[in-house]
N, C-alpha and C. Protein backbone atom coordinates (compact mmCIF):
# COMPACT_ATOMS: atom_id res chain seq x y z
N MET A 1 87.02 121.73 72.34
CA MET A 1 87.54 120.49 72.87
C MET A 1 86.93 120.22 74.24
N MET A 2 86.51 118.99 74.51
CA MET A 2 85.96 118.63 75.81
C MET A 2 87.08 118.44 76.81
N THR A 3 86.73 118.57 78.08
CA THR A 3 87.66 118.20 79.13
C THR A 3 87.03 117.05 79.89
N THR A 4 87.83 116.33 80.66
CA THR A 4 87.30 115.17 81.37
C THR A 4 86.25 115.57 82.39
N SER A 5 86.34 116.77 82.94
CA SER A 5 85.34 117.18 83.92
C SER A 5 83.97 117.33 83.29
N GLU A 6 83.92 117.53 81.98
CA GLU A 6 82.64 117.64 81.28
C GLU A 6 82.06 116.28 80.93
N THR A 7 82.86 115.23 81.00
CA THR A 7 82.40 113.94 80.50
C THR A 7 82.22 112.87 81.55
N SER A 8 82.86 113.01 82.71
CA SER A 8 82.80 111.88 83.62
C SER A 8 83.24 112.24 85.02
N THR A 9 83.02 111.32 85.92
CA THR A 9 83.46 111.44 87.30
C THR A 9 84.92 111.03 87.38
N PRO A 10 85.74 111.68 88.21
CA PRO A 10 87.14 111.27 88.32
C PRO A 10 87.28 109.82 88.74
N ALA A 11 88.29 109.15 88.20
CA ALA A 11 88.49 107.73 88.49
C ALA A 11 89.12 107.52 89.86
N ALA A 12 89.56 108.57 90.52
CA ALA A 12 90.28 108.44 91.79
C ALA A 12 89.38 108.01 92.95
N LEU A 13 88.09 107.85 92.73
CA LEU A 13 87.18 107.51 93.81
C LEU A 13 86.97 106.01 93.98
N GLY A 14 87.71 105.18 93.28
CA GLY A 14 87.57 103.75 93.44
C GLY A 14 86.57 103.13 92.48
N SER A 15 86.29 103.81 91.41
CA SER A 15 85.37 103.32 90.39
C SER A 15 86.04 103.47 89.04
N MET A 16 85.65 102.62 88.08
CA MET A 16 86.19 102.79 86.74
C MET A 16 85.46 103.89 85.98
N ASN A 17 84.44 104.50 86.59
CA ASN A 17 83.82 105.66 85.97
C ASN A 17 84.87 106.73 85.79
N GLY A 18 85.04 107.19 84.56
CA GLY A 18 86.02 108.23 84.30
C GLY A 18 86.68 108.05 82.96
N THR A 19 87.77 108.77 82.78
CA THR A 19 88.51 108.78 81.53
C THR A 19 89.84 108.09 81.75
N TRP A 20 90.17 107.18 80.84
CA TRP A 20 91.36 106.33 80.94
C TRP A 20 92.17 106.42 79.66
N ILE A 21 93.48 106.43 79.80
CA ILE A 21 94.37 106.47 78.63
C ILE A 21 95.25 105.22 78.65
N LEU A 22 95.46 104.66 77.46
CA LEU A 22 96.29 103.46 77.34
C LEU A 22 97.72 103.75 77.77
N ASP A 23 98.23 102.93 78.68
CA ASP A 23 99.62 103.00 79.11
C ASP A 23 100.42 102.15 78.13
N LYS A 24 101.14 102.81 77.24
CA LYS A 24 101.87 102.11 76.18
C LYS A 24 103.16 101.46 76.67
N THR A 25 103.47 101.62 77.97
CA THR A 25 104.71 101.06 78.50
C THR A 25 104.51 99.72 79.16
N ARG A 26 103.26 99.25 79.28
CA ARG A 26 102.97 98.01 80.01
C ARG A 26 102.12 97.07 79.18
N GLY A 27 102.16 95.80 79.57
CA GLY A 27 101.30 94.81 78.92
C GLY A 27 101.60 94.69 77.44
N GLN A 28 100.54 94.51 76.67
CA GLN A 28 100.65 94.40 75.22
C GLN A 28 99.77 95.48 74.59
N PRO A 29 100.30 96.71 74.50
CA PRO A 29 99.46 97.79 73.97
C PRO A 29 99.10 97.61 72.49
N SER A 30 99.89 96.86 71.75
CA SER A 30 99.62 96.65 70.33
C SER A 30 98.44 95.69 70.13
N MET A 31 97.65 95.97 69.13
CA MET A 31 96.52 95.11 68.78
C MET A 31 96.88 94.11 67.68
N ARG A 32 98.17 93.93 67.41
CA ARG A 32 98.63 93.06 66.32
C ARG A 32 98.03 91.66 66.38
N GLY A 33 98.17 90.96 67.49
CA GLY A 33 97.66 89.60 67.61
C GLY A 33 96.16 89.51 67.40
N TYR A 34 95.45 90.48 67.94
CA TYR A 34 93.99 90.56 67.79
C TYR A 34 93.64 90.70 66.30
N LEU A 35 94.32 91.64 65.63
CA LEU A 35 94.05 91.89 64.21
C LEU A 35 94.44 90.70 63.33
N GLU A 36 95.55 90.05 63.67
CA GLU A 36 95.95 88.85 62.91
C GLU A 36 94.89 87.76 63.04
N THR A 37 94.35 87.58 64.24
CA THR A 37 93.31 86.57 64.45
C THR A 37 92.06 86.88 63.65
N MET A 38 91.78 88.19 63.47
CA MET A 38 90.63 88.61 62.66
C MET A 38 90.86 88.40 61.16
N GLY A 39 92.13 88.21 60.77
CA GLY A 39 92.43 88.04 59.35
C GLY A 39 92.76 89.33 58.64
N VAL A 40 93.11 90.37 59.39
CA VAL A 40 93.46 91.67 58.79
C VAL A 40 94.81 91.54 58.09
N THR A 41 94.98 92.22 56.96
CA THR A 41 96.22 92.13 56.19
C THR A 41 97.39 92.75 56.94
N GLU A 42 98.60 92.31 56.61
CA GLU A 42 99.81 92.82 57.26
C GLU A 42 99.96 94.32 57.04
N LEU A 43 99.65 94.80 55.86
CA LEU A 43 99.75 96.23 55.57
C LEU A 43 98.81 97.05 56.48
N ALA A 44 97.59 96.55 56.66
CA ALA A 44 96.63 97.24 57.53
C ALA A 44 97.08 97.18 58.99
N ILE A 45 97.68 96.06 59.40
CA ILE A 45 98.17 95.94 60.78
C ILE A 45 99.31 96.93 61.01
N GLU A 46 100.21 97.05 60.05
CA GLU A 46 101.32 98.00 60.18
C GLU A 46 100.80 99.43 60.25
N ALA A 47 99.79 99.75 59.46
CA ALA A 47 99.18 101.09 59.50
C ALA A 47 98.54 101.34 60.86
N ASN A 48 97.89 100.31 61.40
CA ASN A 48 97.28 100.43 62.72
C ASN A 48 98.35 100.68 63.79
N GLU A 49 99.45 99.94 63.72
CA GLU A 49 100.52 100.11 64.71
C GLU A 49 101.13 101.51 64.63
N LYS A 50 101.30 102.01 63.42
CA LYS A 50 101.83 103.37 63.26
C LYS A 50 100.85 104.37 63.88
N GLY A 51 99.58 104.14 63.64
CA GLY A 51 98.57 105.02 64.22
C GLY A 51 98.54 104.96 65.74
N GLU A 52 98.74 103.77 66.30
CA GLU A 52 98.76 103.61 67.76
C GLU A 52 99.92 104.40 68.37
N GLU A 53 101.04 104.48 67.64
CA GLU A 53 102.19 105.24 68.13
C GLU A 53 101.91 106.74 68.11
N GLU A 54 101.14 107.20 67.13
CA GLU A 54 100.93 108.64 66.92
C GLU A 54 99.70 109.19 67.63
N HIS A 55 98.77 108.34 68.03
CA HIS A 55 97.50 108.80 68.58
C HIS A 55 97.17 107.99 69.83
N ASP A 56 96.83 108.67 70.90
CA ASP A 56 96.50 107.97 72.14
C ASP A 56 95.17 107.23 72.02
N THR A 57 95.05 106.17 72.80
CA THR A 57 93.80 105.43 72.93
C THR A 57 93.18 105.83 74.26
N ILE A 58 91.96 106.33 74.18
CA ILE A 58 91.26 106.82 75.38
C ILE A 58 89.92 106.10 75.48
N HIS A 59 89.58 105.68 76.70
CA HIS A 59 88.27 105.10 76.98
C HIS A 59 87.60 105.95 78.05
N ILE A 60 86.37 106.35 77.78
CA ILE A 60 85.57 107.08 78.77
C ILE A 60 84.45 106.13 79.19
N ILE A 61 84.43 105.79 80.47
CA ILE A 61 83.53 104.75 80.98
C ILE A 61 82.59 105.32 82.02
N GLU A 62 81.34 104.85 81.97
CA GLU A 62 80.39 105.24 83.00
C GLU A 62 79.40 104.10 83.27
N PHE A 63 79.25 103.78 84.53
CA PHE A 63 78.18 102.90 84.99
C PHE A 63 77.09 103.79 85.54
N ALA A 64 75.84 103.53 85.18
CA ALA A 64 74.71 104.32 85.69
C ALA A 64 73.74 103.38 86.38
N ASP A 65 73.43 103.68 87.62
CA ASP A 65 72.43 102.93 88.40
C ASP A 65 72.71 101.44 88.46
N ASN A 66 73.96 101.01 88.30
CA ASN A 66 74.33 99.59 88.30
C ASN A 66 73.57 98.77 87.27
N ASP A 67 72.87 99.42 86.34
CA ASP A 67 72.12 98.71 85.30
C ASP A 67 72.67 98.97 83.90
N PHE A 68 73.32 100.11 83.71
CA PHE A 68 73.79 100.50 82.39
C PHE A 68 75.29 100.74 82.41
N PHE A 69 75.92 100.38 81.31
CA PHE A 69 77.35 100.58 81.13
C PHE A 69 77.52 101.31 79.81
N SER A 70 78.27 102.40 79.82
CA SER A 70 78.57 103.08 78.56
C SER A 70 80.07 103.27 78.45
N ILE A 71 80.52 103.22 77.21
CA ILE A 71 81.94 103.42 76.93
C ILE A 71 82.08 104.17 75.61
N LYS A 72 82.98 105.13 75.61
CA LYS A 72 83.37 105.82 74.39
C LYS A 72 84.83 105.47 74.18
N LYS A 73 85.13 104.86 73.03
CA LYS A 73 86.50 104.45 72.70
C LYS A 73 87.01 105.38 71.60
N MET A 74 88.13 106.01 71.88
CA MET A 74 88.72 106.93 70.91
C MET A 74 90.17 106.52 70.65
N SER A 75 90.50 106.31 69.38
CA SER A 75 91.87 105.97 68.99
C SER A 75 92.06 106.42 67.56
N ARG A 76 93.17 106.02 66.99
CA ARG A 76 93.45 106.38 65.60
C ARG A 76 92.42 105.74 64.66
N VAL A 77 91.92 104.56 65.02
CA VAL A 77 91.02 103.86 64.11
C VAL A 77 89.57 103.81 64.60
N ASN A 78 89.31 104.14 65.86
CA ASN A 78 87.95 104.06 66.41
C ASN A 78 87.50 105.38 67.02
N ASP A 79 86.26 105.67 66.85
CA ASP A 79 85.57 106.71 67.61
C ASP A 79 84.16 106.19 67.76
N LEU A 80 83.99 105.34 68.76
CA LEU A 80 82.68 104.72 68.90
C LEU A 80 82.20 104.80 70.33
N SER A 81 80.90 104.87 70.45
CA SER A 81 80.25 104.92 71.75
C SER A 81 79.24 103.79 71.82
N LEU A 82 79.19 103.14 72.97
CA LEU A 82 78.21 102.09 73.21
C LEU A 82 77.55 102.34 74.55
N GLU A 83 76.25 102.16 74.59
CA GLU A 83 75.54 102.15 75.86
C GLU A 83 74.81 100.83 75.93
N LEU A 84 75.11 100.06 76.96
CA LEU A 84 74.58 98.71 77.08
C LEU A 84 73.86 98.55 78.41
N LYS A 85 72.71 97.89 78.37
CA LYS A 85 72.03 97.51 79.60
C LYS A 85 72.65 96.20 80.04
N LEU A 86 73.16 96.17 81.26
CA LEU A 86 73.81 94.96 81.76
C LEU A 86 72.85 93.78 81.70
N GLY A 87 73.33 92.66 81.16
CA GLY A 87 72.54 91.44 81.08
C GLY A 87 71.60 91.36 79.90
N GLU A 88 71.57 92.39 79.04
CA GLU A 88 70.66 92.41 77.89
C GLU A 88 71.47 92.45 76.60
N GLU A 89 71.26 91.46 75.72
CA GLU A 89 71.99 91.39 74.46
C GLU A 89 71.53 92.48 73.51
N MET A 90 72.50 93.07 72.80
CA MET A 90 72.21 94.12 71.82
C MET A 90 72.74 93.66 70.46
N ASN A 91 71.99 93.95 69.40
CA ASN A 91 72.44 93.70 68.04
C ASN A 91 72.82 95.03 67.41
N LEU A 92 74.01 95.08 66.83
CA LEU A 92 74.53 96.29 66.22
C LEU A 92 74.72 96.04 64.73
N ALA A 93 74.05 96.84 63.90
CA ALA A 93 74.19 96.71 62.45
C ALA A 93 75.57 97.19 62.01
N MET A 94 76.17 96.42 61.11
CA MET A 94 77.49 96.75 60.57
C MET A 94 77.37 96.85 59.05
N PRO A 95 78.38 97.42 58.39
CA PRO A 95 78.33 97.52 56.92
C PRO A 95 78.15 96.14 56.28
N GLY A 96 77.50 96.12 55.13
CA GLY A 96 77.34 94.88 54.38
C GLY A 96 76.29 93.94 54.95
N ASP A 97 75.26 94.46 55.55
CA ASP A 97 74.18 93.66 56.13
C ASP A 97 74.70 92.63 57.13
N ARG A 98 75.70 93.01 57.89
CA ARG A 98 76.26 92.15 58.92
C ARG A 98 75.81 92.64 60.29
N THR A 99 75.81 91.76 61.27
CA THR A 99 75.36 92.11 62.61
C THR A 99 76.38 91.65 63.64
N LYS A 100 76.61 92.51 64.62
CA LYS A 100 77.46 92.19 65.76
C LYS A 100 76.55 92.10 66.97
N THR A 101 76.65 91.01 67.74
CA THR A 101 75.87 90.89 68.97
C THR A 101 76.79 91.18 70.15
N ILE A 102 76.25 91.90 71.13
CA ILE A 102 77.04 92.34 72.27
C ILE A 102 76.24 92.11 73.55
N LEU A 103 76.92 91.59 74.57
CA LEU A 103 76.31 91.40 75.88
C LEU A 103 77.30 91.85 76.94
N ALA A 104 76.88 92.79 77.79
CA ALA A 104 77.72 93.26 78.90
C ALA A 104 77.15 92.71 80.20
N THR A 105 78.04 92.17 81.04
CA THR A 105 77.64 91.67 82.36
C THR A 105 78.66 92.19 83.37
N SER A 106 78.25 92.20 84.63
CA SER A 106 79.16 92.61 85.68
C SER A 106 78.73 92.00 87.00
N ASP A 107 79.69 91.43 87.71
CA ASP A 107 79.40 90.94 89.05
C ASP A 107 79.73 92.01 90.10
N ASN A 108 80.29 93.13 89.63
CA ASN A 108 80.64 94.23 90.53
C ASN A 108 80.69 95.53 89.71
N PRO A 109 79.53 96.09 89.38
CA PRO A 109 79.50 97.30 88.54
C PRO A 109 80.37 98.42 89.12
N GLY A 110 81.11 99.06 88.24
CA GLY A 110 82.03 100.10 88.63
C GLY A 110 83.44 99.59 88.88
N GLN A 111 83.56 98.29 89.12
CA GLN A 111 84.86 97.68 89.37
C GLN A 111 85.23 96.65 88.30
N HIS A 112 84.23 96.15 87.58
CA HIS A 112 84.46 95.07 86.62
C HIS A 112 83.34 95.07 85.59
N VAL A 113 83.69 94.77 84.35
CA VAL A 113 82.68 94.55 83.31
C VAL A 113 83.24 93.54 82.31
N LYS A 114 82.36 92.69 81.82
CA LYS A 114 82.73 91.70 80.81
C LYS A 114 81.79 91.91 79.63
N ILE A 115 82.39 92.22 78.47
CA ILE A 115 81.63 92.46 77.26
C ILE A 115 81.92 91.30 76.30
N THR A 116 80.89 90.53 76.01
CA THR A 116 81.03 89.38 75.12
C THR A 116 80.37 89.74 73.79
N SER A 117 81.12 89.55 72.71
CA SER A 117 80.62 89.90 71.38
C SER A 117 80.83 88.75 70.41
N ARG A 118 79.96 88.69 69.42
CA ARG A 118 80.14 87.78 68.28
C ARG A 118 80.03 88.67 67.06
N MET A 119 81.08 88.67 66.23
CA MET A 119 81.10 89.62 65.12
C MET A 119 81.75 89.05 63.87
N PRO A 120 81.32 89.57 62.72
CA PRO A 120 81.95 89.17 61.47
C PRO A 120 83.34 89.78 61.36
N THR A 121 84.27 89.02 60.76
CA THR A 121 85.64 89.50 60.56
C THR A 121 86.00 89.33 59.09
N MET A 122 87.28 89.53 58.80
CA MET A 122 87.76 89.39 57.42
C MET A 122 87.64 87.95 56.92
N ASN A 123 87.63 86.98 57.85
CA ASN A 123 87.58 85.58 57.42
C ASN A 123 86.60 84.77 58.28
N GLY A 124 85.39 85.23 58.39
CA GLY A 124 84.39 84.48 59.14
C GLY A 124 83.92 85.21 60.37
N MET A 125 83.51 84.46 61.36
CA MET A 125 82.98 85.02 62.60
C MET A 125 84.01 84.87 63.71
N ALA A 126 83.94 85.80 64.67
CA ALA A 126 84.83 85.74 65.83
C ALA A 126 84.03 85.97 67.10
N ASN A 127 84.48 85.34 68.16
CA ASN A 127 83.94 85.58 69.50
C ASN A 127 84.97 86.39 70.25
N VAL A 128 84.51 87.47 70.89
CA VAL A 128 85.41 88.37 71.59
C VAL A 128 84.93 88.52 73.03
N ILE A 129 85.87 88.41 73.96
CA ILE A 129 85.58 88.72 75.36
C ILE A 129 86.50 89.87 75.76
N ASP A 130 85.89 90.99 76.11
CA ASP A 130 86.60 92.19 76.52
C ASP A 130 86.29 92.39 78.00
N GLU A 131 87.24 92.02 78.83
CA GLU A 131 87.03 92.09 80.28
C GLU A 131 87.86 93.22 80.86
N LYS A 132 87.19 94.12 81.58
CA LYS A 132 87.86 95.26 82.19
C LYS A 132 87.72 95.15 83.70
N THR A 133 88.85 95.24 84.40
CA THR A 133 88.86 95.10 85.85
C THR A 133 89.67 96.23 86.45
N LEU A 134 89.10 96.87 87.45
CA LEU A 134 89.79 97.94 88.16
C LEU A 134 90.68 97.34 89.23
N LYS A 135 91.94 97.78 89.26
CA LYS A 135 92.89 97.29 90.27
C LYS A 135 93.61 98.49 90.88
N ARG A 136 94.00 98.32 92.12
CA ARG A 136 94.80 99.36 92.79
C ARG A 136 96.24 98.86 92.86
N GLU A 137 97.15 99.70 92.39
CA GLU A 137 98.58 99.42 92.48
C GLU A 137 99.20 100.55 93.30
N GLU A 138 99.45 100.26 94.56
CA GLU A 138 99.91 101.26 95.53
C GLU A 138 98.90 102.40 95.55
N ASN A 139 99.28 103.60 95.14
CA ASN A 139 98.37 104.75 95.20
C ASN A 139 97.68 105.04 93.87
N LEU A 140 97.78 104.15 92.92
CA LEU A 140 97.24 104.39 91.59
C LEU A 140 96.19 103.35 91.22
N LEU A 141 95.08 103.82 90.69
CA LEU A 141 94.09 102.90 90.13
C LEU A 141 94.49 102.60 88.70
N VAL A 142 94.36 101.33 88.32
CA VAL A 142 94.70 100.88 86.98
C VAL A 142 93.52 100.08 86.44
N LEU A 143 93.17 100.34 85.21
CA LEU A 143 92.12 99.59 84.54
C LEU A 143 92.81 98.56 83.65
N VAL A 144 92.62 97.28 83.95
CA VAL A 144 93.26 96.21 83.18
C VAL A 144 92.23 95.65 82.20
N GLN A 145 92.60 95.65 80.93
CA GLN A 145 91.75 95.10 79.88
C GLN A 145 92.35 93.78 79.42
N LYS A 146 91.56 92.72 79.53
CA LYS A 146 91.95 91.42 78.99
C LYS A 146 91.04 91.16 77.80
N LEU A 147 91.62 91.20 76.62
CA LEU A 147 90.86 91.11 75.38
C LEU A 147 91.20 89.79 74.70
N THR A 148 90.20 88.92 74.59
CA THR A 148 90.40 87.60 73.98
C THR A 148 89.51 87.49 72.75
N ILE A 149 90.11 87.09 71.64
CA ILE A 149 89.37 86.88 70.40
C ILE A 149 89.62 85.44 69.94
N LYS A 150 88.54 84.80 69.47
CA LYS A 150 88.67 83.45 68.92
C LYS A 150 87.98 83.42 67.56
N ASN A 151 88.72 83.02 66.55
CA ASN A 151 88.21 82.89 65.20
C ASN A 151 87.45 81.57 65.10
N GLU A 152 86.16 81.62 64.78
CA GLU A 152 85.35 80.40 64.72
C GLU A 152 85.76 79.48 63.58
N LEU A 153 86.23 80.04 62.48
CA LEU A 153 86.54 79.24 61.30
C LEU A 153 87.78 78.37 61.50
N ASN A 154 88.87 78.99 61.97
CA ASN A 154 90.12 78.24 62.07
C ASN A 154 90.54 77.92 63.51
N GLY A 155 89.78 78.38 64.49
CA GLY A 155 90.07 78.09 65.88
C GLY A 155 91.19 78.91 66.49
N ASN A 156 91.82 79.80 65.71
CA ASN A 156 92.90 80.64 66.26
C ASN A 156 92.35 81.53 67.36
N GLU A 157 93.17 81.72 68.39
CA GLU A 157 92.77 82.53 69.54
C GLU A 157 93.93 83.40 69.98
N CYS A 158 93.62 84.59 70.45
CA CYS A 158 94.64 85.51 70.93
C CYS A 158 94.10 86.26 72.14
N THR A 159 94.93 86.39 73.17
CA THR A 159 94.58 87.21 74.33
C THR A 159 95.60 88.33 74.45
N THR A 160 95.09 89.54 74.57
CA THR A 160 95.92 90.73 74.71
C THR A 160 95.56 91.38 76.04
N GLU A 161 96.58 91.74 76.81
CA GLU A 161 96.32 92.43 78.07
C GLU A 161 96.89 93.84 77.97
N ARG A 162 95.99 94.81 78.21
CA ARG A 162 96.39 96.22 78.11
C ARG A 162 96.04 96.93 79.42
N TYR A 163 96.81 97.95 79.72
CA TYR A 163 96.64 98.70 80.96
C TYR A 163 96.28 100.15 80.64
N PHE A 164 95.29 100.66 81.34
CA PHE A 164 94.87 102.05 81.20
C PHE A 164 95.04 102.73 82.55
N ILE A 165 95.44 103.99 82.51
CA ILE A 165 95.59 104.78 83.73
C ILE A 165 94.66 105.98 83.66
N PRO A 166 94.29 106.53 84.82
CA PRO A 166 93.39 107.69 84.82
C PRO A 166 93.97 108.83 83.98
N TYR A 167 93.09 109.52 83.29
CA TYR A 167 93.49 110.63 82.43
C TYR A 167 92.67 111.86 82.81
N GLN A 168 93.34 112.98 82.97
CA GLN A 168 92.65 114.17 83.41
C GLN A 168 92.86 115.36 82.48
N GLY A 169 93.40 115.15 81.30
CA GLY A 169 93.65 116.25 80.38
C GLY A 169 92.49 116.50 79.44
N GLU A 170 92.77 117.29 78.42
CA GLU A 170 91.75 117.55 77.40
C GLU A 170 91.54 116.31 76.55
N ILE A 171 90.30 116.12 76.14
CA ILE A 171 89.97 115.00 75.26
C ILE A 171 90.27 115.46 73.84
N PRO A 172 91.19 114.78 73.15
CA PRO A 172 91.53 115.20 71.78
C PRO A 172 90.38 114.97 70.81
N GLU A 173 90.41 115.70 69.73
CA GLU A 173 89.44 115.47 68.66
C GLU A 173 89.71 114.09 68.07
N SER A 174 88.68 113.52 67.47
CA SER A 174 88.84 112.21 66.82
C SER A 174 89.83 112.32 65.68
N ALA A 175 90.61 111.28 65.48
CA ALA A 175 91.53 111.23 64.35
C ALA A 175 90.72 111.21 63.06
N VAL A 176 91.26 111.77 62.02
CA VAL A 176 90.54 111.80 60.74
C VAL A 176 90.32 110.40 60.19
N THR A 177 91.10 109.44 60.67
CA THR A 177 90.97 108.05 60.21
C THR A 177 90.01 107.24 61.06
N ALA A 178 89.48 107.82 62.14
CA ALA A 178 88.63 107.08 63.07
C ALA A 178 87.29 106.74 62.43
N LYS A 179 86.77 105.57 62.81
CA LYS A 179 85.48 105.11 62.33
C LYS A 179 84.56 104.87 63.50
N GLY A 180 83.28 105.09 63.27
CA GLY A 180 82.27 104.86 64.30
C GLY A 180 81.85 103.41 64.34
N PRO A 181 80.81 103.11 65.15
CA PRO A 181 80.38 101.72 65.30
C PRO A 181 79.81 101.12 64.03
N ASP A 182 79.41 101.97 63.08
CA ASP A 182 78.87 101.47 61.82
C ASP A 182 79.96 101.22 60.78
N GLY A 183 81.25 101.46 61.16
CA GLY A 183 82.35 101.23 60.25
C GLY A 183 82.60 102.37 59.29
N LYS A 184 81.83 103.44 59.40
CA LYS A 184 81.98 104.59 58.50
C LYS A 184 82.81 105.67 59.19
N PRO A 185 83.54 106.48 58.39
CA PRO A 185 84.33 107.56 58.98
C PRO A 185 83.44 108.49 59.81
N VAL A 186 84.03 109.00 60.90
CA VAL A 186 83.31 109.91 61.79
C VAL A 186 83.18 111.25 61.11
N GLN A 187 81.98 111.80 61.12
CA GLN A 187 81.74 113.12 60.51
C GLN A 187 82.10 114.19 61.50
N LYS A 188 82.90 115.15 61.06
CA LYS A 188 83.29 116.27 61.91
C LYS A 188 82.20 117.33 61.85
N GLY A 189 81.87 117.89 63.02
CA GLY A 189 80.82 118.89 63.11
C GLY A 189 81.31 120.19 62.72
């Protein structure tokens, strides 16, 4: 099992570089509205919510040289890593000959990042803006995620705000249900 000291710089230095865990007591930790906008079935949404209760959501973030942004997202349904050059669009192959386009920008690397994506969903295409901003609340740094999805076909839109706090424990193994960026189950080594 990895520890945070093996993966990143502590978040206590005023940067979002580090390991963050979803604070399930604040904001809207559930992805229900996001998934509904994508056209995911009610049964799948309920399974996702059950998984969110049983498995923590962890993001490991690193900015390198103010030019690159990387994130590893680990949850019950995801185990994916992305490395993006700021300001450069990336195309990511998805199952079924589909493509997701991703662009990361930042006006203050280490404190803010905006990831804009266009991706296929259950009922057409969606535009997603995933904005992460570092904030200080008294003596605690908080990573605020504002996640907005808009369905191109029907115009439905949903914004979810989630809060992450610094995490310093062991990084859990990926859930057996987690999928990588290609949509396929993660292979255990």
